[in-house]
Amino acid sequence: MLYEIRFAQCVRDHMKFLTAAESSVWLDAIGEQLVHAPLVETRNRKPLRPNPLAPWELRVGAMRAFYEVLREPKVEAPADVVYVLAVGKKERNLLWIAGKVVKI
């Protein structure tokens, strides 16, 4: 089953803090990793402990994407949707999202 990918409006602001190359890598990774099985734990995808940001994390090098998967009702058939809620970079033990340090 294929999942639909949607981005929160704030993700556009988060992407402004990434270089063009990093943004390209992110979009490719999200397309490859989250379209088919976003709820399967892998080396780069893992569920997080309860936090205010998101229940799942996708890692690509130092970059992180935080997302959740929801079933959205439709008239003809329900659809599973991956909502990317935040994108940032991890530098040592600090997570930077939109130029600010975020604690998870």
C-alpha atoms as a PDB file:
ATOM      1  CA  MET A   1       0.000   0.000   0.000  1.00  0.00           C
ATOM      2  CA  LEU A   2       1.256   3.476  -0.848  1.00  0.00           C
ATOM      3  CA  TYR A   3       1.034   6.321   1.644  1.00  0.00           C
ATOM      4  CA  GLU A   4       0.334   9.901   0.679  1.00  0.00           C
ATOM      5  CA  ILE A   5       2.942  12.401   1.924  1.00  0.00           C
ATOM      6  CA  ARG A   6       1.836  15.800   3.236  1.00  0.00           C
ATOM      7  CA  PHE A   7       3.894  18.540   4.845  1.00  0.00           C
ATOM      8  CA  ALA A   8       2.825  20.818   7.673  1.00  0.00           C
ATOM      9  CA  GLN A   9       2.931  24.492   6.702  1.00  0.00           C
ATOM     10  CA  CYS A  10       5.768  25.155   9.154  1.00  0.00           C
ATOM     11  CA  VAL A  11       8.026  22.665   7.318  1.00  0.00           C
ATOM     12  CA  ARG A  12       8.524  25.232   4.550  1.00  0.00           C
ATOM     13  CA  ASP A  13      10.069  27.569   7.149  1.00  0.00           C
ATOM     14  CA  HIS A  14      12.195  24.739   8.527  1.00  0.00           C
ATOM     15  CA  MET A  15      13.550  23.952   5.054  1.00  0.00           C
ATOM     16  CA  LYS A  16      14.819  27.540   4.694  1.00  0.00           C
ATOM     17  CA  PHE A  17      17.506  26.687   7.251  1.00  0.00           C
ATOM     18  CA  LEU A  18      18.838  23.823   5.097  1.00  0.00           C
ATOM     19  CA  THR A  19      21.083  24.191   2.075  1.00  0.00           C
ATOM     20  CA  ALA A  20      19.696  23.382  -1.373  1.00  0.00           C
ATOM     21  CA  ALA A  21      21.653  20.108  -1.397  1.00  0.00           C
ATOM     22  CA  GLU A  22      20.293  19.133   2.044  1.00  0.00           C
ATOM     23  CA  SER A  23      16.740  19.956   0.961  1.00  0.00           C
ATOM     24  CA  SER A  24      17.141  17.792  -2.125  1.00  0.00           C
ATOM     25  CA  VAL A  25      18.503  14.893  -0.081  1.00  0.00           C
ATOM     26  CA  TRP A  26      15.576  15.266   2.320  1.00  0.00           C
ATOM     27  CA  LEU A  27      12.900  15.229  -0.292  1.00  0.00           C
ATOM     28  CA  ASP A  28      14.462  12.140  -1.915  1.00  0.00           C
ATOM     29  CA  ALA A  29      14.746  10.338   1.435  1.00  0.00           C
ATOM     30  CA  ILE A  30      11.179  11.147   2.428  1.00  0.00           C
ATOM     31  CA  GLY A  31       9.935   9.912  -0.945  1.00  0.00           C
ATOM     32  CA  GLU A  32      11.915   6.673  -0.698  1.00  0.00           C
ATOM     33  CA  GLN A  33      11.474   5.847   2.976  1.00  0.00           C
ATOM     34  CA  LEU A  34       7.983   7.036   3.907  1.00  0.00           C
ATOM     35  CA  VAL A  35       5.843   6.162   0.883  1.00  0.00           C
ATOM     36  CA  HIS A  36       5.783   2.384   1.369  1.00  0.00           C
ATOM     37  CA  ALA A  37       6.130   1.457   5.055  1.00  0.00           C
ATOM     38  CA  PRO A  38       6.507   4.477   7.362  1.00  0.00           C
ATOM     39  CA  LEU A  39       5.504   2.506  10.471  1.00  0.00           C
ATOM     40  CA  VAL A  40       8.183  -0.171  10.082  1.00  0.00           C
ATOM     41  CA  GLU A  41      11.147   0.444  12.360  1.00  0.00           C
ATOM     42  CA  THR A  42      14.507   0.427  10.559  1.00  0.00           C
ATOM     43  CA  ARG A  43      18.005   1.697  11.207  1.00  0.00           C
ATOM     44  CA  ASN A  44      16.956   5.162   9.997  1.00  0.00           C
ATOM     45  CA  ARG A  45      13.291   5.168  11.083  1.00  0.00           C
ATOM     46  CA  LYS A  46      12.220   4.780  14.667  1.00  0.00           C
ATOM     47  CA  PRO A  47       9.325   5.489  16.984  1.00  0.00           C
ATOM     48  CA  LEU A  48      10.055   8.104  19.625  1.00  0.00           C
ATOM     49  CA  ARG A  49       9.097   8.262  23.266  1.00  0.00           C
ATOM     50  CA  PRO A  50       6.070  10.492  23.882  1.00  0.00           C
ATOM     51  CA  ASN A  51       7.026  14.078  23.065  1.00  0.00           C
ATOM     52  CA  PRO A  52       5.310  17.262  21.857  1.00  0.00           C
ATOM     53  CA  LEU A  53       6.905  17.100  18.383  1.00  0.00           C
ATOM     54  CA  ALA A  54       5.970  13.813  16.648  1.00  0.00           C
ATOM     55  CA  PRO A  55       5.746  10.065  17.277  1.00  0.00           C
ATOM     56  CA  TRP A  56       8.255   9.005  14.553  1.00  0.00           C
ATOM     57  CA  GLU A  57      11.701  10.129  13.372  1.00  0.00           C
ATOM     58  CA  LEU A  58      13.465   9.612  10.039  1.00  0.00           C
ATOM     59  CA  ARG A  59      17.250  10.084  10.092  1.00  0.00           C
ATOM     60  CA  VAL A  60      19.484  10.849   7.121  1.00  0.00           C
ATOM     61  CA  GLY A  61      22.967  11.708   8.328  1.00  0.00           C
ATOM     62  CA  ALA A  62      22.665  14.698  10.646  1.00  0.00           C
ATOM     63  CA  MET A  63      19.226  15.632   9.317  1.00  0.00           C
ATOM     64  CA  ARG A  64      15.982  14.579  10.982  1.00  0.00           C
ATOM     65  CA  ALA A  65      12.345  14.539   9.870  1.00  0.00           C
ATOM     66  CA  PHE A  66       9.579  14.098  12.418  1.00  0.00           C
ATOM     67  CA  TYR A  67       6.286  12.651  11.256  1.00  0.00           C
ATOM     68  CA  GLU A  68       3.046  10.900  12.138  1.00  0.00           C
ATOM     69  CA  VAL A  69       0.819   8.552  10.159  1.00  0.00           C
ATOM     70  CA  LEU A  70      -2.948   9.017  10.177  1.00  0.00           C
ATOM     71  CA  ARG A  71      -5.881   7.430   8.384  1.00  0.00           C
ATOM     72  CA  GLU A  72      -7.874  10.072   6.602  1.00  0.00           C
ATOM     73  CA  PRO A  73     -11.472   9.227   5.715  1.00  0.00           C
ATOM     74  CA  LYS A  74     -12.508   9.814   2.117  1.00  0.00           C
ATOM     75  CA  VAL A  75     -15.788   9.290   0.353  1.00  0.00           C
ATOM     76  CA  GLU A  76     -14.606   6.443  -1.895  1.00  0.00           C
ATOM     77  CA  ALA A  77     -11.951   4.866   0.362  1.00  0.00           C
ATOM     78  CA  PRO A  78      -9.927   5.806   3.419  1.00  0.00           C
ATOM     79  CA  ALA A  79      -6.348   6.898   2.772  1.00  0.00           C
ATOM     80  CA  ASP A  80      -3.269   6.566   4.956  1.00  0.00           C
ATOM     81  CA  VAL A  81      -1.337   9.821   5.098  1.00  0.00           C
ATOM     82  CA  VAL A  82       2.154  10.582   6.392  1.00  0.00           C
ATOM     83  CA  TYR A  83       2.276  14.088   7.853  1.00  0.00           C
ATOM     84  CA  VAL A  84       5.803  15.498   8.043  1.00  0.00           C
ATOM     85  CA  LEU A  85       5.591  17.857  11.023  1.00  0.00           C
ATOM     86  CA  ALA A  86       9.160  19.134  11.376  1.00  0.00           C
ATOM     87  CA  VAL A  87      12.559  18.973   9.690  1.00  0.00           C
ATOM     88  CA  GLY A  88      15.841  19.817  11.374  1.00  0.00           C
ATOM     89  CA  LYS A  89      19.504  19.039  11.876  1.00  0.00           C
ATOM     90  CA  LYS A  90      21.249  17.368  14.766  1.00  0.00           C
ATOM     91  CA  GLU A  91      24.620  18.797  15.749  1.00  0.00           C
ATOM     92  CA  ARG A  92      26.249  16.796  18.516  1.00  0.00           C
ATOM     93  CA  ASN A  93      23.528  16.532  21.151  1.00  0.00           C
ATOM     94  CA  LEU A  94      21.467  19.532  19.982  1.00  0.00           C
ATOM     95  CA  LEU A  95      18.509  19.403  17.602  1.00  0.00           C
ATOM     96  CA  TRP A  96      18.083  22.538  15.482  1.00  0.00           C
ATOM     97  CA  ILE A  97      14.723  23.249  13.881  1.00  0.00           C
ATOM     98  CA  ALA A  98      14.181  26.567  12.090  1.00  0.00           C
ATOM     99  CA  GLY A  99      17.292  28.052  13.655  1.00  0.00           C
ATOM    100  CA  LYS A 100      16.261  27.220  17.231  1.00  0.00           C
ATOM    101  CA  VAL A 101      17.355  24.468  19.585  1.00  0.00           C
ATOM    102  CA  VAL A 102      14.464  22.098  20.303  1.00  0.00           C
ATOM    103  CA  LYS A 103      14.397  19.638  23.181  1.00  0.00           C
ATOM    104  CA  ILE A 104      12.619  16.345  22.641  1.00  0.00           C
END
